[in-house]
mmCIF file of all heavy atoms, coordinates in Angstrom:
data_MODEL
# 
_entry.id   MODEL 
# 
loop_
_atom_site.group_PDB 
_atom_site.id 
_atom_site.type_symbol 
_atom_site.label_atom_id 
_atom_site.label_alt_id 
_atom_site.label_comp_id 
_atom_site.label_asym_id 
_atom_site.label_entity_id 
_atom_site.label_seq_id 
_atom_site.pdbx_PDB_ins_code 
_atom_site.Cartn_x 
_atom_site.Cartn_y 
_atom_site.Cartn_z 
_atom_site.occupancy 
_atom_site.B_iso_or_equiv 
_atom_site.pdbx_formal_charge 
_atom_site.auth_seq_id 
_atom_site.auth_comp_id 
_atom_site.auth_asym_id 
_atom_site.auth_atom_id 
_atom_site.pdbx_PDB_model_num 
ATOM 1   N N   . GLN A 1 1  ? 0.872   -1.180 0.000  1.00 0.00 ? 1  GLN A N   1 
ATOM 2   C CA  . GLN A 1 1  ? 0.000   0.000  0.000  1.00 0.00 ? 1  GLN A CA  1 
ATOM 3   C C   . GLN A 1 1  ? 0.904   1.223  0.000  1.00 0.00 ? 1  GLN A C   1 
ATOM 4   O O   . GLN A 1 1  ? 1.691   1.420  0.902  1.00 0.00 ? 1  GLN A O   1 
ATOM 5   C CB  . GLN A 1 1  ? -0.913  -0.002 1.226  1.00 0.00 ? 1  GLN A CB  1 
ATOM 6   C CG  . GLN A 1 1  ? -1.551  1.337  1.562  1.00 0.00 ? 1  GLN A CG  1 
ATOM 7   C CD  . GLN A 1 1  ? -0.998  1.886  2.867  1.00 0.00 ? 1  GLN A CD  1 
ATOM 8   O OE1 . GLN A 1 1  ? -1.039  1.236  3.900  1.00 0.00 ? 1  GLN A OE1 1 
ATOM 9   N NE2 . GLN A 1 1  ? -0.435  3.091  2.807  1.00 0.00 ? 1  GLN A NE2 1 
ATOM 10  N N   . THR A 1 2  ? 0.833   2.013  -1.058 1.00 0.00 ? 2  THR A N   1 
ATOM 11  C CA  . THR A 1 2  ? 1.782   3.105  -1.240 1.00 0.00 ? 2  THR A CA  1 
ATOM 12  C C   . THR A 1 2  ? 1.551   4.241  -0.249 1.00 0.00 ? 2  THR A C   1 
ATOM 13  O O   . THR A 1 2  ? 0.468   4.385  0.320  1.00 0.00 ? 2  THR A O   1 
ATOM 14  C CB  . THR A 1 2  ? 1.701   3.673  -2.672 1.00 0.00 ? 2  THR A CB  1 
ATOM 15  O OG1 . THR A 1 2  ? 0.381   4.151  -2.923 1.00 0.00 ? 2  THR A OG1 1 
ATOM 16  C CG2 . THR A 1 2  ? 2.068   2.599  -3.692 1.00 0.00 ? 2  THR A CG2 1 
ATOM 17  N N   . GLY A 1 3  ? 2.584   5.074  -0.071 1.00 0.00 ? 3  GLY A N   1 
ATOM 18  C CA  . GLY A 1 3  ? 2.523   6.190  0.861  1.00 0.00 ? 3  GLY A CA  1 
ATOM 19  C C   . GLY A 1 3  ? 1.892   7.415  0.243  1.00 0.00 ? 3  GLY A C   1 
ATOM 20  O O   . GLY A 1 3  ? 2.592   8.335  -0.179 1.00 0.00 ? 3  GLY A O   1 
ATOM 21  N N   . MET A 1 4  ? 0.571   7.434  0.192  1.00 0.00 ? 4  MET A N   1 
ATOM 22  C CA  . MET A 1 4  ? -0.166  8.540  -0.429 1.00 0.00 ? 4  MET A CA  1 
ATOM 23  C C   . MET A 1 4  ? -0.310  9.692  0.555  1.00 0.00 ? 4  MET A C   1 
ATOM 24  O O   . MET A 1 4  ? -0.871  9.523  1.638  1.00 0.00 ? 4  MET A O   1 
ATOM 25  C CB  . MET A 1 4  ? -1.557  8.063  -0.866 1.00 0.00 ? 4  MET A CB  1 
ATOM 26  C CG  . MET A 1 4  ? -1.541  6.957  -1.891 1.00 0.00 ? 4  MET A CG  1 
ATOM 27  S SD  . MET A 1 4  ? -3.185  6.195  -2.067 1.00 0.00 ? 4  MET A SD  1 
ATOM 28  C CE  . MET A 1 4  ? -3.226  5.121  -0.605 1.00 0.00 ? 4  MET A CE  1 
ATOM 29  N N   . GLY A 1 5  ? 0.174   10.861 0.138  1.00 0.00 ? 5  GLY A N   1 
ATOM 30  C CA  . GLY A 1 5  ? 0.118   12.026 1.007  1.00 0.00 ? 5  GLY A CA  1 
ATOM 31  C C   . GLY A 1 5  ? -1.289  12.320 1.509  1.00 0.00 ? 5  GLY A C   1 
ATOM 32  O O   . GLY A 1 5  ? -2.241  12.376 0.721  1.00 0.00 ? 5  GLY A O   1 
ATOM 33  N N   . TRP A 1 6  ? -1.423  12.483 2.827  1.00 0.00 ? 6  TRP A N   1 
ATOM 34  C CA  . TRP A 1 6  ? -2.666  12.797 3.520  1.00 0.00 ? 6  TRP A CA  1 
ATOM 35  C C   . TRP A 1 6  ? -3.652  11.636 3.544  1.00 0.00 ? 6  TRP A C   1 
ATOM 36  O O   . TRP A 1 6  ? -4.702  11.735 4.160  1.00 0.00 ? 6  TRP A O   1 
ATOM 37  C CB  . TRP A 1 6  ? -3.355  14.025 2.911  1.00 0.00 ? 6  TRP A CB  1 
ATOM 38  C CG  . TRP A 1 6  ? -2.515  15.250 2.936  1.00 0.00 ? 6  TRP A CG  1 
ATOM 39  C CD1 . TRP A 1 6  ? -2.084  15.962 1.861  1.00 0.00 ? 6  TRP A CD1 1 
ATOM 40  C CD2 . TRP A 1 6  ? -2.000  15.939 4.089  1.00 0.00 ? 6  TRP A CD2 1 
ATOM 41  N NE1 . TRP A 1 6  ? -1.325  17.037 2.261  1.00 0.00 ? 6  TRP A NE1 1 
ATOM 42  C CE2 . TRP A 1 6  ? -1.249  17.037 3.633  1.00 0.00 ? 6  TRP A CE2 1 
ATOM 43  C CE3 . TRP A 1 6  ? -2.092  15.709 5.464  1.00 0.00 ? 6  TRP A CE3 1 
ATOM 44  C CZ2 . TRP A 1 6  ? -0.615  17.922 4.483  1.00 0.00 ? 6  TRP A CZ2 1 
ATOM 45  C CZ3 . TRP A 1 6  ? -1.443  16.588 6.325  1.00 0.00 ? 6  TRP A CZ3 1 
ATOM 46  C CH2 . TRP A 1 6  ? -0.720  17.680 5.823  1.00 0.00 ? 6  TRP A CH2 1 
ATOM 47  N N   . VAL A 1 7  ? -3.357  10.544 2.867  1.00 0.00 ? 7  VAL A N   1 
ATOM 48  C CA  . VAL A 1 7  ? -4.279  9.404  2.810  1.00 0.00 ? 7  VAL A CA  1 
ATOM 49  C C   . VAL A 1 7  ? -3.736  8.226  3.614  1.00 0.00 ? 7  VAL A C   1 
ATOM 50  O O   . VAL A 1 7  ? -4.467  7.597  4.374  1.00 0.00 ? 7  VAL A O   1 
ATOM 51  C CB  . VAL A 1 7  ? -4.528  8.976  1.346  1.00 0.00 ? 7  VAL A CB  1 
ATOM 52  C CG1 . VAL A 1 7  ? -5.389  7.711  1.301  1.00 0.00 ? 7  VAL A CG1 1 
ATOM 53  C CG2 . VAL A 1 7  ? -5.174  10.099 0.558  1.00 0.00 ? 7  VAL A CG2 1 
ATOM 54  N N   . SER A 1 8  ? -2.451  7.941  3.449  1.00 0.00 ? 8  SER A N   1 
ATOM 55  C CA  . SER A 1 8  ? -1.855  6.767  4.098  1.00 0.00 ? 8  SER A CA  1 
ATOM 56  C C   . SER A 1 8  ? -1.429  7.112  5.520  1.00 0.00 ? 8  SER A C   1 
ATOM 57  O O   . SER A 1 8  ? -0.244  7.265  5.821  1.00 0.00 ? 8  SER A O   1 
ATOM 58  C CB  . SER A 1 8  ? -0.663  6.273  3.289  1.00 0.00 ? 8  SER A CB  1 
ATOM 59  O OG  . SER A 1 8  ? -1.051  5.948  1.977  1.00 0.00 ? 8  SER A OG  1 
ATOM 60  N N   . GLY A 1 9  ? -2.431  7.228  6.377  1.00 0.00 ? 9  GLY A N   1 
ATOM 61  C CA  . GLY A 1 9  ? -2.165  7.502  7.780  1.00 0.00 ? 9  GLY A CA  1 
ATOM 62  C C   . GLY A 1 9  ? -2.017  6.223  8.578  1.00 0.00 ? 9  GLY A C   1 
ATOM 63  O O   . GLY A 1 9  ? -1.910  5.118  8.025  1.00 0.00 ? 9  GLY A O   1 
ATOM 64  N N   . ALA A 1 10 ? -2.035  6.352  9.896  1.00 0.00 ? 10 ALA A N   1 
ATOM 65  C CA  . ALA A 1 10 ? -1.802  5.202  10.768 1.00 0.00 ? 10 ALA A CA  1 
ATOM 66  C C   . ALA A 1 10 ? -2.874  4.129  10.595 1.00 0.00 ? 10 ALA A C   1 
ATOM 67  O O   . ALA A 1 10 ? -2.567  2.935  10.566 1.00 0.00 ? 10 ALA A O   1 
ATOM 68  C CB  . ALA A 1 10 ? -1.743  5.672  12.219 1.00 0.00 ? 10 ALA A CB  1 
ATOM 69  N N   . ARG A 1 11 ? -4.124  4.544  10.470 1.00 0.00 ? 11 ARG A N   1 
ATOM 70  C CA  . ARG A 1 11 ? -5.214  3.566  10.382 1.00 0.00 ? 11 ARG A CA  1 
ATOM 71  C C   . ARG A 1 11 ? -5.085  2.698  9.132  1.00 0.00 ? 11 ARG A C   1 
ATOM 72  O O   . ARG A 1 11 ? -5.165  1.459  9.205  1.00 0.00 ? 11 ARG A O   1 
ATOM 73  C CB  . ARG A 1 11 ? -6.552  4.295  10.392 1.00 0.00 ? 11 ARG A CB  1 
ATOM 74  C CG  . ARG A 1 11 ? -7.756  3.369  10.300 1.00 0.00 ? 11 ARG A CG  1 
ATOM 75  C CD  . ARG A 1 11 ? -9.047  4.172  10.225 1.00 0.00 ? 11 ARG A CD  1 
ATOM 76  N NE  . ARG A 1 11 ? -10.187 3.307  9.990  1.00 0.00 ? 11 ARG A NE  1 
ATOM 77  C CZ  . ARG A 1 11 ? -11.265 3.680  9.333  1.00 0.00 ? 11 ARG A CZ  1 
ATOM 78  N NH1 . ARG A 1 11 ? -11.358 4.890  8.828  1.00 0.00 ? 11 ARG A NH1 1 
ATOM 79  N NH2 . ARG A 1 11 ? -12.269 2.844  9.173  1.00 0.00 ? 11 ARG A NH2 1 
ATOM 80  N N   . LEU A 1 12 ? -4.893  3.315  7.977  1.00 0.00 ? 12 LEU A N   1 
ATOM 81  C CA  . LEU A 1 12 ? -4.789  2.567  6.722  1.00 0.00 ? 12 LEU A CA  1 
ATOM 82  C C   . LEU A 1 12 ? -3.540  1.696  6.717  1.00 0.00 ? 12 LEU A C   1 
ATOM 83  O O   . LEU A 1 12 ? -3.571  0.541  6.278  1.00 0.00 ? 12 LEU A O   1 
ATOM 84  C CB  . LEU A 1 12 ? -4.778  3.530  5.541  1.00 0.00 ? 12 LEU A CB  1 
ATOM 85  C CG  . LEU A 1 12 ? -4.753  2.897  4.144  1.00 0.00 ? 12 LEU A CG  1 
ATOM 86  C CD1 . LEU A 1 12 ? -6.016  2.071  3.911  1.00 0.00 ? 12 LEU A CD1 1 
ATOM 87  C CD2 . LEU A 1 12 ? -4.602  3.957  3.061  1.00 0.00 ? 12 LEU A CD2 1 
ATOM 88  N N   . THR A 1 13 ? -2.431  2.247  7.217  1.00 0.00 ? 13 THR A N   1 
ATOM 89  C CA  . THR A 1 13 ? -1.171  1.503  7.233  1.00 0.00 ? 13 THR A CA  1 
ATOM 90  C C   . THR A 1 13 ? -1.280  0.263  8.109  1.00 0.00 ? 13 THR A C   1 
ATOM 91  O O   . THR A 1 13 ? -0.871  -0.836 7.717  1.00 0.00 ? 13 THR A O   1 
ATOM 92  C CB  . THR A 1 13 ? -0.036  2.407  7.746  1.00 0.00 ? 13 THR A CB  1 
ATOM 93  O OG1 . THR A 1 13 ? 0.097   3.532  6.867  1.00 0.00 ? 13 THR A OG1 1 
ATOM 94  C CG2 . THR A 1 13 ? 1.278   1.647  7.809  1.00 0.00 ? 13 THR A CG2 1 
ATOM 95  N N   . ALA A 1 14 ? -1.845  0.415  9.296  1.00 0.00 ? 14 ALA A N   1 
ATOM 96  C CA  . ALA A 1 14 ? -1.989  -0.719 10.206 1.00 0.00 ? 14 ALA A CA  1 
ATOM 97  C C   . ALA A 1 14 ? -2.952  -1.762 9.645  1.00 0.00 ? 14 ALA A C   1 
ATOM 98  O O   . ALA A 1 14 ? -2.720  -2.972 9.779  1.00 0.00 ? 14 ALA A O   1 
ATOM 99  C CB  . ALA A 1 14 ? -2.465  -0.234 11.566 1.00 0.00 ? 14 ALA A CB  1 
ATOM 100 N N   . ALA A 1 15 ? -4.025  -1.310 9.001  1.00 0.00 ? 15 ALA A N   1 
ATOM 101 C CA  . ALA A 1 15 ? -4.995  -2.242 8.424  1.00 0.00 ? 15 ALA A CA  1 
ATOM 102 C C   . ALA A 1 15 ? -4.349  -3.079 7.325  1.00 0.00 ? 15 ALA A C   1 
ATOM 103 O O   . ALA A 1 15 ? -4.596  -4.288 7.220  1.00 0.00 ? 15 ALA A O   1 
ATOM 104 C CB  . ALA A 1 15 ? -6.196  -1.474 7.874  1.00 0.00 ? 15 ALA A CB  1 
ATOM 105 N N   . THR A 1 16 ? -3.512  -2.455 6.510  1.00 0.00 ? 16 THR A N   1 
ATOM 106 C CA  . THR A 1 16 ? -2.816  -3.186 5.455  1.00 0.00 ? 16 THR A CA  1 
ATOM 107 C C   . THR A 1 16 ? -1.833  -4.180 6.053  1.00 0.00 ? 16 THR A C   1 
ATOM 108 O O   . THR A 1 16 ? -1.741  -5.337 5.616  1.00 0.00 ? 16 THR A O   1 
ATOM 109 C CB  . THR A 1 16 ? -2.065  -2.215 4.529  1.00 0.00 ? 16 THR A CB  1 
ATOM 110 O OG1 . THR A 1 16 ? -2.986  -1.249 4.003  1.00 0.00 ? 16 THR A OG1 1 
ATOM 111 C CG2 . THR A 1 16 ? -1.414  -2.955 3.379  1.00 0.00 ? 16 THR A CG2 1 
ATOM 112 N N   . ALA A 1 17 ? -1.075  -3.731 7.050  1.00 0.00 ? 17 ALA A N   1 
ATOM 113 C CA  . ALA A 1 17 ? -0.100  -4.613 7.691  1.00 0.00 ? 17 ALA A CA  1 
ATOM 114 C C   . ALA A 1 17 ? -0.793  -5.813 8.329  1.00 0.00 ? 17 ALA A C   1 
ATOM 115 O O   . ALA A 1 17 ? -0.344  -6.959 8.180  1.00 0.00 ? 17 ALA A O   1 
ATOM 116 C CB  . ALA A 1 17 ? 0.692   -3.835 8.742  1.00 0.00 ? 17 ALA A CB  1 
ATOM 117 N N   . ASN A 1 18 ? -1.886  -5.582 9.030  1.00 0.00 ? 18 ASN A N   1 
ATOM 118 C CA  . ASN A 1 18 ? -2.606  -6.671 9.684  1.00 0.00 ? 18 ASN A CA  1 
ATOM 119 C C   . ASN A 1 18 ? -3.241  -7.628 8.691  1.00 0.00 ? 18 ASN A C   1 
ATOM 120 O O   . ASN A 1 18 ? -3.552  -8.773 9.033  1.00 0.00 ? 18 ASN A O   1 
ATOM 121 C CB  . ASN A 1 18 ? -3.668  -6.117 10.629 1.00 0.00 ? 18 ASN A CB  1 
ATOM 122 C CG  . ASN A 1 18 ? -3.079  -5.590 11.929 1.00 0.00 ? 18 ASN A CG  1 
ATOM 123 O OD1 . ASN A 1 18 ? -2.099  -6.125 12.432 1.00 0.00 ? 18 ASN A OD1 1 
ATOM 124 N ND2 . ASN A 1 18 ? -3.668  -4.523 12.458 1.00 0.00 ? 18 ASN A ND2 1 
ATOM 125 N N   . ALA A 1 19 ? -3.424  -7.179 7.453  1.00 0.00 ? 19 ALA A N   1 
ATOM 126 C CA  . ALA A 1 19 ? -3.979  -8.037 6.398  1.00 0.00 ? 19 ALA A CA  1 
ATOM 127 C C   . ALA A 1 19 ? -2.893  -8.814 5.674  1.00 0.00 ? 19 ALA A C   1 
ATOM 128 O O   . ALA A 1 19 ? -3.201  -9.597 4.770  1.00 0.00 ? 19 ALA A O   1 
ATOM 129 C CB  . ALA A 1 19 ? -4.773  -7.188 5.405  1.00 0.00 ? 19 ALA A CB  1 
ATOM 130 N N   . GLY A 1 20 ? -1.623  -8.598 6.053  1.00 0.00 ? 20 GLY A N   1 
ATOM 131 C CA  . GLY A 1 20 ? -0.541  -9.371 5.474  1.00 0.00 ? 20 GLY A CA  1 
ATOM 132 C C   . GLY A 1 20 ? 0.239   -8.682 4.380  1.00 0.00 ? 20 GLY A C   1 
ATOM 133 O O   . GLY A 1 20 ? 1.161   -9.268 3.792  1.00 0.00 ? 20 GLY A O   1 
ATOM 134 N N   . GLY A 1 21 ? -0.110  -7.416 4.071  1.00 0.00 ? 21 GLY A N   1 
ATOM 135 C CA  . GLY A 1 21 ? 0.652   -6.657 3.089  1.00 0.00 ? 21 GLY A CA  1 
ATOM 136 C C   . GLY A 1 21 ? 1.595   -5.684 3.775  1.00 0.00 ? 21 GLY A C   1 
ATOM 137 O O   . GLY A 1 21 ? 1.714   -5.675 5.002  1.00 0.00 ? 21 GLY A O   1 
ATOM 138 N N   . LEU A 1 22 ? 2.268   -4.862 2.985  1.00 0.00 ? 22 LEU A N   1 
ATOM 139 C CA  . LEU A 1 22 ? 3.137   -3.827 3.546  1.00 0.00 ? 22 LEU A CA  1 
ATOM 140 C C   . LEU A 1 22 ? 2.417   -2.491 3.485  1.00 0.00 ? 22 LEU A C   1 
ATOM 141 O O   . LEU A 1 22 ? 2.213   -1.932 2.407  1.00 0.00 ? 22 LEU A O   1 
ATOM 142 C CB  . LEU A 1 22 ? 4.462   -3.722 2.785  1.00 0.00 ? 22 LEU A CB  1 
ATOM 143 C CG  . LEU A 1 22 ? 5.417   -2.670 3.373  1.00 0.00 ? 22 LEU A CG  1 
ATOM 144 C CD1 . LEU A 1 22 ? 6.041   -3.176 4.676  1.00 0.00 ? 22 LEU A CD1 1 
ATOM 145 C CD2 . LEU A 1 22 ? 6.516   -2.287 2.374  1.00 0.00 ? 22 LEU A CD2 1 
ATOM 146 N N   . GLY A 1 23 ? 2.012   -1.971 4.635  1.00 0.00 ? 23 GLY A N   1 
ATOM 147 C CA  . GLY A 1 23 ? 1.439   -0.637 4.702  1.00 0.00 ? 23 GLY A CA  1 
ATOM 148 C C   . GLY A 1 23 ? 2.529   0.391  4.879  1.00 0.00 ? 23 GLY A C   1 
ATOM 149 O O   . GLY A 1 23 ? 3.536   0.129  5.554  1.00 0.00 ? 23 GLY A O   1 
ATOM 150 N N   . ILE A 1 24 ? 2.356   1.556  4.283  1.00 0.00 ? 24 ILE A N   1 
ATOM 151 C CA  . ILE A 1 24 ? 3.365   2.613  4.353  1.00 0.00 ? 24 ILE A CA  1 
ATOM 152 C C   . ILE A 1 24 ? 2.721   3.919  4.802  1.00 0.00 ? 24 ILE A C   1 
ATOM 153 O O   . ILE A 1 24 ? 1.777   4.415  4.169  1.00 0.00 ? 24 ILE A O   1 
ATOM 154 C CB  . ILE A 1 24 ? 4.066   2.823  2.995  1.00 0.00 ? 24 ILE A CB  1 
ATOM 155 C CG1 . ILE A 1 24 ? 4.786   1.533  2.572  1.00 0.00 ? 24 ILE A CG1 1 
ATOM 156 C CG2 . ILE A 1 24 ? 5.046   3.988  3.062  1.00 0.00 ? 24 ILE A CG2 1 
ATOM 157 C CD1 . ILE A 1 24 ? 5.460   1.643  1.208  1.00 0.00 ? 24 ILE A CD1 1 
ATOM 158 N N   . ILE A 1 25 ? 3.242   4.490  5.885  1.00 0.00 ? 25 ILE A N   1 
ATOM 159 C CA  . ILE A 1 25 ? 2.797   5.796  6.362  1.00 0.00 ? 25 ILE A CA  1 
ATOM 160 C C   . ILE A 1 25 ? 3.310   6.881  5.425  1.00 0.00 ? 25 ILE A C   1 
ATOM 161 O O   . ILE A 1 25 ? 4.505   6.908  5.099  1.00 0.00 ? 25 ILE A O   1 
ATOM 162 C CB  . ILE A 1 25 ? 3.327   6.072  7.777  1.00 0.00 ? 25 ILE A CB  1 
ATOM 163 C CG1 . ILE A 1 25 ? 2.798   5.059  8.785  1.00 0.00 ? 25 ILE A CG1 1 
ATOM 164 C CG2 . ILE A 1 25 ? 2.973   7.495  8.227  1.00 0.00 ? 25 ILE A CG2 1 
ATOM 165 C CD1 . ILE A 1 25 ? 3.476   5.144  10.144 1.00 0.00 ? 25 ILE A CD1 1 
ATOM 166 N N   . ALA A 1 26 ? 2.444   7.771  4.998  1.00 0.00 ? 26 ALA A N   1 
ATOM 167 C CA  . ALA A 1 26 ? 2.869   8.909  4.179  1.00 0.00 ? 26 ALA A CA  1 
ATOM 168 C C   . ALA A 1 26 ? 3.321   10.026 5.101  1.00 0.00 ? 26 ALA A C   1 
ATOM 169 O O   . ALA A 1 26 ? 2.538   10.872 5.520  1.00 0.00 ? 26 ALA A O   1 
ATOM 170 C CB  . ALA A 1 26 ? 1.727   9.379  3.290  1.00 0.00 ? 26 ALA A CB  1 
ATOM 171 N N   . ALA A 1 27 ? 4.610   10.039 5.437  1.00 0.00 ? 27 ALA A N   1 
ATOM 172 C CA  . ALA A 1 27 ? 5.133   11.031 6.378  1.00 0.00 ? 27 ALA A CA  1 
ATOM 173 C C   . ALA A 1 27 ? 5.552   12.320 5.696  1.00 0.00 ? 27 ALA A C   1 
ATOM 174 O O   . ALA A 1 27 ? 5.777   13.325 6.381  1.00 0.00 ? 27 ALA A O   1 
ATOM 175 C CB  . ALA A 1 27 ? 6.321   10.454 7.146  1.00 0.00 ? 27 ALA A CB  1 
ATOM 176 N N   . ALA A 1 28 ? 5.652   12.307 4.367  1.00 0.00 ? 28 ALA A N   1 
ATOM 177 C CA  . ALA A 1 28 ? 6.172   13.476 3.655  1.00 0.00 ? 28 ALA A CA  1 
ATOM 178 C C   . ALA A 1 28 ? 5.434   14.774 3.987  1.00 0.00 ? 28 ALA A C   1 
ATOM 179 O O   . ALA A 1 28 ? 6.070   15.800 4.227  1.00 0.00 ? 28 ALA A O   1 
ATOM 180 C CB  . ALA A 1 28 ? 6.165   13.226 2.148  1.00 0.00 ? 28 ALA A CB  1 
# 
């Protein structure tokens, strides 16, 4: 799950990780 600015926050990143993929926080 790519690091989309303002979209890839903690909730989306953790949900992807818990589903077995790689979630990425958009920190930029």
